[in-house]
Structure formats: structure tokens, C-alpha cells
Full PDB file with SEQRES, HELIX, SHEET, SSBOND, CRYST1, ORIGX, SCALE, CONECT and MASTER records, all heavy atoms in Angstrom:
SEQRES   1 A   32  ARG PHE ILE ASN HIS SER CYS ASN PRO ASN CYS TYR ALA          
SEQRES   2 A   32  LYS VAL ILE THR VAL GLU SER GLN LYS LYS ILE VAL ILE          
SEQRES   3 A   32  TYR SER LYS GLN HIS ILE                                      
SHEET    1 AA1 2 CYS A  11  VAL A  18  0                                        
SHEET    2 AA1 2 GLN A  21  SER A  28 -1                                        
CRYST1    1.000    1.000    1.000  90.00  90.00  90.00 P 1           1          
ORIGX1      1.000000  0.000000  0.000000        0.00000                         
ORIGX2      0.000000  1.000000  0.000000        0.00000                         
ORIGX3      0.000000  0.000000  1.000000        0.00000                         
SCALE1      1.000000  0.000000  0.000000        0.00000                         
SCALE2      0.000000  1.000000  0.000000        0.00000                         
SCALE3      0.000000  0.000000  1.000000        0.00000                         
ATOM      1  N   ARG A   1     -18.839 -18.884   0.313  1.00  0.00           N  
ATOM      2  CA  ARG A   1     -18.798 -17.693  -0.543  1.00  0.00           C  
ATOM      3  C   ARG A   1     -19.465 -16.489   0.109  1.00  0.00           C  
ATOM      4  O   ARG A   1     -19.297 -15.357  -0.339  1.00  0.00           O  
ATOM      5  CB  ARG A   1     -19.479 -17.988  -1.883  1.00  0.00           C  
ATOM      6  CG  ARG A   1     -20.941 -18.349  -1.777  1.00  0.00           C  
ATOM      7  CD  ARG A   1     -21.531 -18.630  -3.142  1.00  0.00           C  
ATOM      8  NE  ARG A   1     -22.919 -19.040  -3.055  1.00  0.00           N  
ATOM      9  CZ  ARG A   1     -23.720 -19.178  -4.106  1.00  0.00           C  
ATOM     10  NH1 ARG A   1     -23.251 -18.956  -5.305  1.00  0.00           N  
ATOM     11  NH2 ARG A   1     -24.965 -19.567  -3.955  1.00  0.00           N  
ATOM     12  N   PHE A   2     -20.238 -16.706   1.186  1.00  0.00           N  
ATOM     13  CA  PHE A   2     -20.897 -15.600   1.869  1.00  0.00           C  
ATOM     14  C   PHE A   2     -20.025 -14.968   2.951  1.00  0.00           C  
ATOM     15  O   PHE A   2     -20.464 -14.008   3.600  1.00  0.00           O  
ATOM     16  CB  PHE A   2     -22.214 -16.072   2.501  1.00  0.00           C  
ATOM     17  CG  PHE A   2     -23.225 -16.549   1.502  1.00  0.00           C  
ATOM     18  CD1 PHE A   2     -23.663 -17.867   1.515  1.00  0.00           C  
ATOM     19  CD2 PHE A   2     -23.741 -15.694   0.546  1.00  0.00           C  
ATOM     20  CE1 PHE A   2     -24.595 -18.319   0.600  1.00  0.00           C  
ATOM     21  CE2 PHE A   2     -24.676 -16.139  -0.379  1.00  0.00           C  
ATOM     22  CZ  PHE A   2     -25.103 -17.446  -0.348  1.00  0.00           C  
ATOM     23  N   ILE A   3     -18.817 -15.482   3.179  1.00  0.00           N  
ATOM     24  CA  ILE A   3     -17.950 -14.925   4.222  1.00  0.00           C  
ATOM     25  C   ILE A   3     -17.466 -13.545   3.786  1.00  0.00           C  
ATOM     26  O   ILE A   3     -16.922 -13.369   2.700  1.00  0.00           O  
ATOM     27  CB  ILE A   3     -16.747 -15.852   4.490  1.00  0.00           C  
ATOM     28  CG1 ILE A   3     -17.234 -17.242   4.918  1.00  0.00           C  
ATOM     29  CG2 ILE A   3     -15.850 -15.258   5.570  1.00  0.00           C  
ATOM     30  CD1 ILE A   3     -16.115 -18.231   5.149  1.00  0.00           C  
ATOM     31  N   ASN A   4     -17.636 -12.558   4.650  1.00  0.00           N  
ATOM     32  CA  ASN A   4     -17.255 -11.183   4.352  1.00  0.00           C  
ATOM     33  C   ASN A   4     -15.809 -10.906   4.748  1.00  0.00           C  
ATOM     34  O   ASN A   4     -15.214 -11.614   5.565  1.00  0.00           O  
ATOM     35  CB  ASN A   4     -18.179 -10.200   5.082  1.00  0.00           C  
ATOM     36  CG  ASN A   4     -19.503 -10.027   4.371  1.00  0.00           C  
ATOM     37  OD1 ASN A   4     -19.550  -9.904   3.147  1.00  0.00           O  
ATOM     38  ND2 ASN A   4     -20.592 -10.019   5.132  1.00  0.00           N  
ATOM     39  N   HIS A   5     -15.284  -9.823   4.157  1.00  0.00           N  
ATOM     40  CA  HIS A   5     -13.918  -9.384   4.476  1.00  0.00           C  
ATOM     41  C   HIS A   5     -13.919  -8.573   5.766  1.00  0.00           C  
ATOM     42  O   HIS A   5     -14.891  -7.884   6.101  1.00  0.00           O  
ATOM     43  CB  HIS A   5     -13.369  -8.528   3.330  1.00  0.00           C  
ATOM     44  CG  HIS A   5     -12.172  -7.715   3.719  1.00  0.00           C  
ATOM     45  ND1 HIS A   5     -10.883  -8.199   3.664  1.00  0.00           N  
ATOM     46  CD2 HIS A   5     -12.079  -6.437   4.182  1.00  0.00           C  
ATOM     47  CE1 HIS A   5     -10.043  -7.270   4.059  1.00  0.00           C  
ATOM     48  NE2 HIS A   5     -10.744  -6.181   4.380  1.00  0.00           N  
ATOM     49  N   SER A   6     -12.805  -8.655   6.491  1.00  0.00           N  
ATOM     50  CA  SER A   6     -12.602  -7.817   7.666  1.00  0.00           C  
ATOM     51  C   SER A   6     -11.110  -7.537   7.812  1.00  0.00           C  
ATOM     52  O   SER A   6     -10.279  -8.416   7.568  1.00  0.00           O  
ATOM     53  CB  SER A   6     -13.137  -8.499   8.935  1.00  0.00           C  
ATOM     54  OG  SER A   6     -12.848  -7.712  10.079  1.00  0.00           O  
ATOM     55  N   CYS A   7     -10.781  -6.308   8.200  1.00  0.00           N  
ATOM     56  CA  CYS A   7      -9.376  -5.968   8.458  1.00  0.00           C  
ATOM     57  C   CYS A   7      -8.901  -6.543   9.782  1.00  0.00           C  
ATOM     58  O   CYS A   7      -7.687  -6.605  10.027  1.00  0.00           O  
ATOM     59  CB  CYS A   7      -9.205  -4.452   8.453  1.00  0.00           C  
ATOM     60  SG  CYS A   7      -9.603  -3.682   6.861  1.00  0.00           S  
ATOM     61  N   ASN A   8      -9.814  -6.931  10.649  1.00  0.00           N  
ATOM     62  CA  ASN A   8      -9.470  -7.608  11.908  1.00  0.00           C  
ATOM     63  C   ASN A   8     -10.286  -8.909  11.978  1.00  0.00           C  
ATOM     64  O   ASN A   8     -11.224  -9.027  12.758  1.00  0.00           O  
ATOM     65  CB  ASN A   8      -9.790  -6.698  13.104  1.00  0.00           C  
ATOM     66  CG  ASN A   8      -9.324  -7.314  14.410  1.00  0.00           C  
ATOM     67  OD1 ASN A   8      -8.437  -8.159  14.440  1.00  0.00           O  
ATOM     68  ND2 ASN A   8      -9.947  -6.899  15.502  1.00  0.00           N  
ATOM     69  N   PRO A   9      -9.933  -9.904  11.150  1.00  0.00           N  
ATOM     70  CA  PRO A   9     -10.786 -11.101  11.015  1.00  0.00           C  
ATOM     71  C   PRO A   9     -10.568 -12.094  12.148  1.00  0.00           C  
ATOM     72  O   PRO A   9      -9.575 -12.044  12.884  1.00  0.00           O  
ATOM     73  CB  PRO A   9     -10.319 -11.686   9.684  1.00  0.00           C  
ATOM     74  CG  PRO A   9      -8.879 -11.303   9.595  1.00  0.00           C  
ATOM     75  CD  PRO A   9      -8.755  -9.960  10.271  1.00  0.00           C  
ATOM     76  N   ASN A  10     -11.530 -13.026  12.271  1.00  0.00           N  
ATOM     77  CA  ASN A  10     -11.389 -14.121  13.237  1.00  0.00           C  
ATOM     78  C   ASN A  10     -11.008 -15.432  12.546  1.00  0.00           C  
ATOM     79  O   ASN A  10     -10.901 -16.462  13.204  1.00  0.00           O  
ATOM     80  CB  ASN A  10     -12.682 -14.309  14.033  1.00  0.00           C  
ATOM     81  CG  ASN A  10     -13.904 -14.454  13.136  1.00  0.00           C  
ATOM     82  OD1 ASN A  10     -13.782 -14.728  11.937  1.00  0.00           O  
ATOM     83  ND2 ASN A  10     -15.088 -14.264  13.702  1.00  0.00           N  
ATOM     84  N   CYS A  11     -10.827 -15.390  11.208  1.00  0.00           N  
ATOM     85  CA  CYS A  11     -10.424 -16.577  10.457  1.00  0.00           C  
ATOM     86  C   CYS A  11      -9.391 -16.197   9.402  1.00  0.00           C  
ATOM     87  O   CYS A  11      -9.147 -15.008   9.154  1.00  0.00           O  
ATOM     88  CB  CYS A  11     -11.634 -17.232   9.777  1.00  0.00           C  
ATOM     89  SG  CYS A  11     -12.847 -17.954  10.920  1.00  0.00           S  
ATOM     90  N   TYR A  12      -8.804 -17.195   8.802  1.00  0.00           N  
ATOM     91  CA  TYR A  12      -7.872 -16.980   7.699  1.00  0.00           C  
ATOM     92  C   TYR A  12      -8.015 -18.134   6.723  1.00  0.00           C  
ATOM     93  O   TYR A  12      -8.467 -19.230   7.072  1.00  0.00           O  
ATOM     94  CB  TYR A  12      -6.429 -16.869   8.199  1.00  0.00           C  
ATOM     95  CG  TYR A  12      -5.881 -18.122   8.850  1.00  0.00           C  
ATOM     96  CD1 TYR A  12      -5.139 -19.048   8.134  1.00  0.00           C  
ATOM     97  CD2 TYR A  12      -6.105 -18.374  10.209  1.00  0.00           C  
ATOM     98  CE1 TYR A  12      -4.639 -20.187   8.736  1.00  0.00           C  
ATOM     99  CE2 TYR A  12      -5.616 -19.509  10.818  1.00  0.00           C  
ATOM    100  CZ  TYR A  12      -4.876 -20.412  10.087  1.00  0.00           C  
ATOM    101  OH  TYR A  12      -4.389 -21.557  10.682  1.00  0.00           O  
ATOM    102  N   ALA A  13      -7.637 -17.874   5.470  1.00  0.00           N  
ATOM    103  CA  ALA A  13      -7.725 -18.885   4.413  1.00  0.00           C  
ATOM    104  C   ALA A  13      -6.364 -19.529   4.208  1.00  0.00           C  
ATOM    105  O   ALA A  13      -5.326 -18.860   4.287  1.00  0.00           O  
ATOM    106  CB  ALA A  13      -8.220 -18.261   3.118  1.00  0.00           C  
ATOM    107  N   LYS A  14      -6.388 -20.832   3.928  1.00  0.00           N  
ATOM    108  CA  LYS A  14      -5.143 -21.583   3.734  1.00  0.00           C  
ATOM    109  C   LYS A  14      -5.345 -22.599   2.623  1.00  0.00           C  
ATOM    110  O   LYS A  14      -6.395 -23.239   2.536  1.00  0.00           O  
ATOM    111  CB  LYS A  14      -4.746 -22.293   5.033  1.00  0.00           C  
ATOM    112  CG  LYS A  14      -3.431 -23.046   4.962  1.00  0.00           C  
ATOM    113  CD  LYS A  14      -3.114 -23.684   6.295  1.00  0.00           C  
ATOM    114  CE  LYS A  14      -1.816 -24.486   6.255  1.00  0.00           C  
ATOM    115  NZ  LYS A  14      -1.545 -25.144   7.560  1.00  0.00           N  
ATOM    116  N   VAL A  15      -4.334 -22.743   1.765  1.00  0.00           N  
ATOM    117  CA  VAL A  15      -4.368 -23.723   0.686  1.00  0.00           C  
ATOM    118  C   VAL A  15      -3.679 -24.992   1.165  1.00  0.00           C  
ATOM    119  O   VAL A  15      -2.510 -24.963   1.582  1.00  0.00           O  
ATOM    120  CB  VAL A  15      -3.670 -23.189  -0.578  1.00  0.00           C  
ATOM    121  CG1 VAL A  15      -3.695 -24.238  -1.680  1.00  0.00           C  
ATOM    122  CG2 VAL A  15      -4.338 -21.913  -1.064  1.00  0.00           C  
ATOM    123  N   ILE A  16      -4.385 -26.111   1.146  1.00  0.00           N  
ATOM    124  CA  ILE A  16      -3.826 -27.403   1.535  1.00  0.00           C  
ATOM    125  C   ILE A  16      -3.939 -28.364   0.355  1.00  0.00           C  
ATOM    126  O   ILE A  16      -4.733 -28.150  -0.562  1.00  0.00           O  
ATOM    127  CB  ILE A  16      -4.541 -27.980   2.779  1.00  0.00           C  
ATOM    128  CG1 ILE A  16      -5.997 -28.295   2.459  1.00  0.00           C  
ATOM    129  CG2 ILE A  16      -4.442 -27.035   3.958  1.00  0.00           C  
ATOM    130  CD1 ILE A  16      -6.725 -29.035   3.565  1.00  0.00           C  
ATOM    131  N   THR A  17      -3.140 -29.408   0.395  1.00  0.00           N  
ATOM    132  CA  THR A  17      -3.148 -30.416  -0.666  1.00  0.00           C  
ATOM    133  C   THR A  17      -3.712 -31.717  -0.117  1.00  0.00           C  
ATOM    134  O   THR A  17      -3.183 -32.269   0.857  1.00  0.00           O  
ATOM    135  CB  THR A  17      -1.727 -30.647  -1.213  1.00  0.00           C  
ATOM    136  OG1 THR A  17      -1.199 -29.397  -1.679  1.00  0.00           O  
ATOM    137  CG2 THR A  17      -1.752 -31.627  -2.367  1.00  0.00           C  
ATOM    138  N   VAL A  18      -4.782 -32.195  -0.727  1.00  0.00           N  
ATOM    139  CA  VAL A  18      -5.434 -33.441  -0.334  1.00  0.00           C  
ATOM    140  C   VAL A  18      -5.524 -34.334  -1.561  1.00  0.00           C  
ATOM    141  O   VAL A  18      -6.175 -33.978  -2.544  1.00  0.00           O  
ATOM    142  CB  VAL A  18      -6.841 -33.189   0.245  1.00  0.00           C  
ATOM    143  CG1 VAL A  18      -7.506 -34.507   0.614  1.00  0.00           C  
ATOM    144  CG2 VAL A  18      -6.765 -32.271   1.449  1.00  0.00           C  
ATOM    145  N   GLU A  19      -4.837 -35.479  -1.506  1.00  0.00           N  
ATOM    146  CA  GLU A  19      -4.811 -36.429  -2.623  1.00  0.00           C  
ATOM    147  C   GLU A  19      -4.405 -35.735  -3.924  1.00  0.00           C  
ATOM    148  O   GLU A  19      -5.090 -35.821  -4.943  1.00  0.00           O  
ATOM    149  CB  GLU A  19      -6.180 -37.111  -2.770  1.00  0.00           C  
ATOM    150  CG  GLU A  19      -6.551 -37.979  -1.576  1.00  0.00           C  
ATOM    151  CD  GLU A  19      -7.908 -38.631  -1.728  1.00  0.00           C  
ATOM    152  OE1 GLU A  19      -8.611 -38.304  -2.706  1.00  0.00           O  
ATOM    153  OE2 GLU A  19      -8.252 -39.474  -0.889  1.00  0.00           O  
ATOM    154  N   SER A  20      -3.298 -35.008  -3.861  1.00  0.00           N  
ATOM    155  CA  SER A  20      -2.698 -34.306  -5.010  1.00  0.00           C  
ATOM    156  C   SER A  20      -3.608 -33.233  -5.590  1.00  0.00           C  
ATOM    157  O   SER A  20      -3.432 -32.822  -6.732  1.00  0.00           O  
ATOM    158  CB  SER A  20      -2.318 -35.307  -6.119  1.00  0.00           C  
ATOM    159  OG  SER A  20      -1.427 -36.286  -5.626  1.00  0.00           O  
ATOM    160  N   GLN A  21      -4.569 -32.760  -4.828  1.00  0.00           N  
ATOM    161  CA  GLN A  21      -5.468 -31.709  -5.287  1.00  0.00           C  
ATOM    162  C   GLN A  21      -5.470 -30.573  -4.264  1.00  0.00           C  
ATOM    163  O   GLN A  21      -5.642 -30.800  -3.065  1.00  0.00           O  
ATOM    164  CB  GLN A  21      -6.888 -32.235  -5.465  1.00  0.00           C  
ATOM    165  CG  GLN A  21      -7.840 -31.217  -6.069  1.00  0.00           C  
ATOM    166  CD  GLN A  21      -9.231 -31.786  -6.296  1.00  0.00           C  
ATOM    167  OE1 GLN A  21      -9.502 -32.940  -5.950  1.00  0.00           O  
ATOM    168  NE2 GLN A  21     -10.128 -30.989  -6.863  1.00  0.00           N  
ATOM    169  N   LYS A  22      -5.266 -29.337  -4.752  1.00  0.00           N  
ATOM    170  CA  LYS A  22      -5.221 -28.181  -3.870  1.00  0.00           C  
ATOM    171  C   LYS A  22      -6.638 -27.746  -3.499  1.00  0.00           C  
ATOM    172  O   LYS A  22      -7.507 -27.658  -4.357  1.00  0.00           O  
ATOM    173  CB  LYS A  22      -4.481 -27.027  -4.549  1.00  0.00           C  
ATOM    174  CG  LYS A  22      -2.990 -27.281  -4.724  1.00  0.00           C  
ATOM    175  CD  LYS A  22      -2.284 -26.080  -5.329  1.00  0.00           C  
ATOM    176  CE  LYS A  22      -0.790 -26.342  -5.455  1.00  0.00           C  
ATOM    177  NZ  LYS A  22      -0.082 -25.185  -6.054  1.00  0.00           N  
ATOM    178  N   LYS A  23      -6.818 -27.468  -2.202  1.00  0.00           N  
ATOM    179  CA  LYS A  23      -8.117 -27.035  -1.694  1.00  0.00           C  
ATOM    180  C   LYS A  23      -7.923 -25.820  -0.810  1.00  0.00           C  
ATOM    181  O   LYS A  23      -6.894 -25.674  -0.148  1.00  0.00           O  
ATOM    182  CB  LYS A  23      -8.799 -28.160  -0.904  1.00  0.00           C  
ATOM    183  CG  LYS A  23      -9.136 -29.383  -1.745  1.00  0.00           C  
ATOM    184  CD  LYS A  23      -9.807 -30.445  -0.906  1.00  0.00           C  
ATOM    185  CE  LYS A  23     -10.170 -31.672  -1.731  1.00  0.00           C  
ATOM    186  NZ  LYS A  23     -11.244 -31.360  -2.708  1.00  0.00           N  
ATOM    187  N   ILE A  24      -8.928 -24.954  -0.787  1.00  0.00           N  
ATOM    188  CA  ILE A  24      -8.921 -23.769   0.079  1.00  0.00           C  
ATOM    189  C   ILE A  24      -9.817 -24.045   1.275  1.00  0.00           C  
ATOM    190  O   ILE A  24     -10.995 -24.380   1.117  1.00  0.00           O  
ATOM    191  CB  ILE A  24      -9.408 -22.528  -0.684  1.00  0.00           C  
ATOM    192  CG1 ILE A  24      -8.475 -22.222  -1.859  1.00  0.00           C  
ATOM    193  CG2 ILE A  24      -9.490 -21.332   0.244  1.00  0.00           C  
ATOM    194  CD1 ILE A  24      -8.946 -21.086  -2.729  1.00  0.00           C  
ATOM    195  N   VAL A  25      -9.248 -23.894   2.459  1.00  0.00           N  
ATOM    196  CA  VAL A  25      -9.984 -24.163   3.698  1.00  0.00           C  
ATOM    197  C   VAL A  25      -9.897 -22.929   4.584  1.00  0.00           C  
ATOM    198  O   VAL A  25      -8.847 -22.291   4.679  1.00  0.00           O  
ATOM    199  CB  VAL A  25      -9.423 -25.393   4.430  1.00  0.00           C  
ATOM    200  CG1 VAL A  25     -10.216 -25.657   5.705  1.00  0.00           C  
ATOM    201  CG2 VAL A  25      -9.457 -26.610   3.530  1.00  0.00           C  
ATOM    202  N   ILE A  26     -10.996 -22.578   5.219  1.00  0.00           N  
ATOM    203  CA  ILE A  26     -11.051 -21.444   6.144  1.00  0.00           C  
ATOM    204  C   ILE A  26     -10.773 -21.969   7.559  1.00  0.00           C  
ATOM    205  O   ILE A  26     -11.472 -22.864   8.045  1.00  0.00           O  
ATOM    206  CB  ILE A  26     -12.420 -20.743   6.095  1.00  0.00           C  
ATOM    207  CG1 ILE A  26     -12.793 -20.411   4.639  1.00  0.00           C  
ATOM    208  CG2 ILE A  26     -12.414 -19.490   6.950  1.00  0.00           C  
ATOM    209  CD1 ILE A  26     -11.816 -19.527   3.919  1.00  0.00           C  
ATOM    210  N   TYR A  27      -9.724 -21.432   8.197  1.00  0.00           N  
ATOM    211  CA  TYR A  27      -9.342 -21.797   9.568  1.00  0.00           C  
ATOM    212  C   TYR A  27      -9.752 -20.685  10.530  1.00  0.00           C  
ATOM    213  O   TYR A  27      -9.822 -19.508  10.152  1.00  0.00           O  
ATOM    214  CB  TYR A  27      -7.830 -21.976   9.666  1.00  0.00           C  
ATOM    215  CG  TYR A  27      -7.283 -23.269   9.140  1.00  0.00           C  
ATOM    216  CD1 TYR A  27      -7.127 -23.480   7.784  1.00  0.00           C  
ATOM    217  CD2 TYR A  27      -6.880 -24.279  10.002  1.00  0.00           C  
ATOM    218  CE1 TYR A  27      -6.606 -24.662   7.289  1.00  0.00           C  
ATOM    219  CE2 TYR A  27      -6.352 -25.463   9.521  1.00  0.00           C  
ATOM    220  CZ  TYR A  27      -6.217 -25.651   8.169  1.00  0.00           C  
ATOM    221  OH  TYR A  27      -5.696 -26.819   7.681  1.00  0.00           O  
ATOM    222  N   SER A  28      -9.974 -21.050  11.772  1.00  0.00           N  
ATOM    223  CA  SER A  28     -10.285 -20.060  12.809  1.00  0.00           C  
ATOM    224  C   SER A  28      -8.983 -19.564  13.446  1.00  0.00           C  
ATOM    225  O   SER A  28      -8.119 -20.351  13.813  1.00  0.00           O  
ATOM    226  CB  SER A  28     -11.194 -20.674  13.882  1.00  0.00           C  
ATOM    227  OG  SER A  28     -10.597 -21.835  14.434  1.00  0.00           O  
ATOM    228  N   LYS A  29      -8.852 -18.243  13.574  1.00  0.00           N  
ATOM    229  CA  LYS A  29      -7.675 -17.656  14.210  1.00  0.00           C  
ATOM    230  C   LYS A  29      -7.811 -17.636  15.721  1.00  0.00           C  
ATOM    231  O   LYS A  29      -6.822 -17.671  16.446  1.00  0.00           O  
ATOM    232  CB  LYS A  29      -7.468 -16.216  13.721  1.00  0.00           C  
ATOM    233  CG  LYS A  29      -6.971 -16.091  12.304  1.00  0.00           C  
ATOM    234  CD  LYS A  29      -6.810 -14.632  11.900  1.00  0.00           C  
ATOM    235  CE  LYS A  29      -5.783 -13.928  12.761  1.00  0.00           C  
ATOM    236  NZ  LYS A  29      -5.589 -12.522  12.307  1.00  0.00           N  
ATOM    237  N   GLN A  30      -9.033 -17.570  16.203  1.00  0.00           N  
ATOM    238  CA  GLN A  30      -9.310 -17.432  17.626  1.00  0.00           C  
ATOM    239  C   GLN A  30     -10.621 -18.141  17.941  1.00  0.00           C  
ATOM    240  O   GLN A  30     -11.240 -18.721  17.050  1.00  0.00           O  
ATOM    241  CB  GLN A  30      -9.421 -15.938  17.981  1.00  0.00           C  
ATOM    242  CG  GLN A  30     -10.544 -15.240  17.225  1.00  0.00           C  
ATOM    243  CD  GLN A  30     -10.387 -13.742  17.161  1.00  0.00           C  
ATOM    244  OE1 GLN A  30      -9.264 -13.243  17.094  1.00  0.00           O  
ATOM    245  NE2 GLN A  30     -11.498 -13.018  17.170  1.00  0.00           N  
ATOM    246  N   HIS A  31     -10.975 -18.111  19.218  1.00  0.00           N  
ATOM    247  CA  HIS A  31     -12.251 -18.717  19.611  1.00  0.00           C  
ATOM    248  C   HIS A  31     -13.405 -17.898  19.032  1.00  0.00           C  
ATOM    249  O   HIS A  31     -13.416 -16.665  19.103  1.00  0.00           O  
ATOM    250  CB  HIS A  31     -12.366 -18.772  21.132  1.00  0.00           C  
ATOM    251  CG  HIS A  31     -13.670 -19.345  21.600  1.00  0.00           C  
ATOM    252  ND1 HIS A  31     -13.931 -20.703  21.618  1.00  0.00           N  
ATOM    253  CD2 HIS A  31     -14.804 -18.732  22.045  1.00  0.00           C  
ATOM    254  CE1 HIS A  31     -15.151 -20.909  22.059  1.00  0.00           C  
ATOM    255  NE2 HIS A  31     -15.704 -19.732  22.335  1.00  0.00           N  
ATOM    256  N   ILE A  32     -14.382 -18.590  18.448  1.00  0.00           N  
ATOM    257  CA  ILE A  32     -15.537 -17.943  17.831  1.00  0.00           C  
ATOM    258  C   ILE A  32     -16.785 -18.352  18.602  1.00  0.00           C  
ATOM    259  O   ILE A  32     -17.042 -19.547  18.789  1.00  0.00           O  
ATOM    260  CB  ILE A  32     -15.665 -18.335  16.349  1.00  0.00           C  
ATOM    261  CG1 ILE A  32     -14.401 -17.914  15.580  1.00  0.00           C  
ATOM    262  CG2 ILE A  32     -16.892 -17.699  15.721  1.00  0.00           C  
ATOM    263  CD1 ILE A  32     -14.379 -18.372  14.144  1.00  0.00           C  
TER     264      ILE A  32                                                      
MASTER        0    0    0    0    2    0    0    6  263    1    0    3          
END                                                                             
């Protein structure tokens, strides 16, 4: 929840399904 917004971010958010339950996971777009 402490991740800030950026117009040129190094990560992105993605909704995945794990055991029939939707979860939000933050992925890295580039090397950090």
C-alpha cells in the first residue's frame, strides 16, 4: 500500500487467479 504512482514506473499491477480467487500482484517491468 506504500507504493507510489509514477508516470514512468518500473512495475505494473496484474490481476491473477489462484485457487479460484482473484489476487493483485505487482510485477517488475525492468531491472530494479
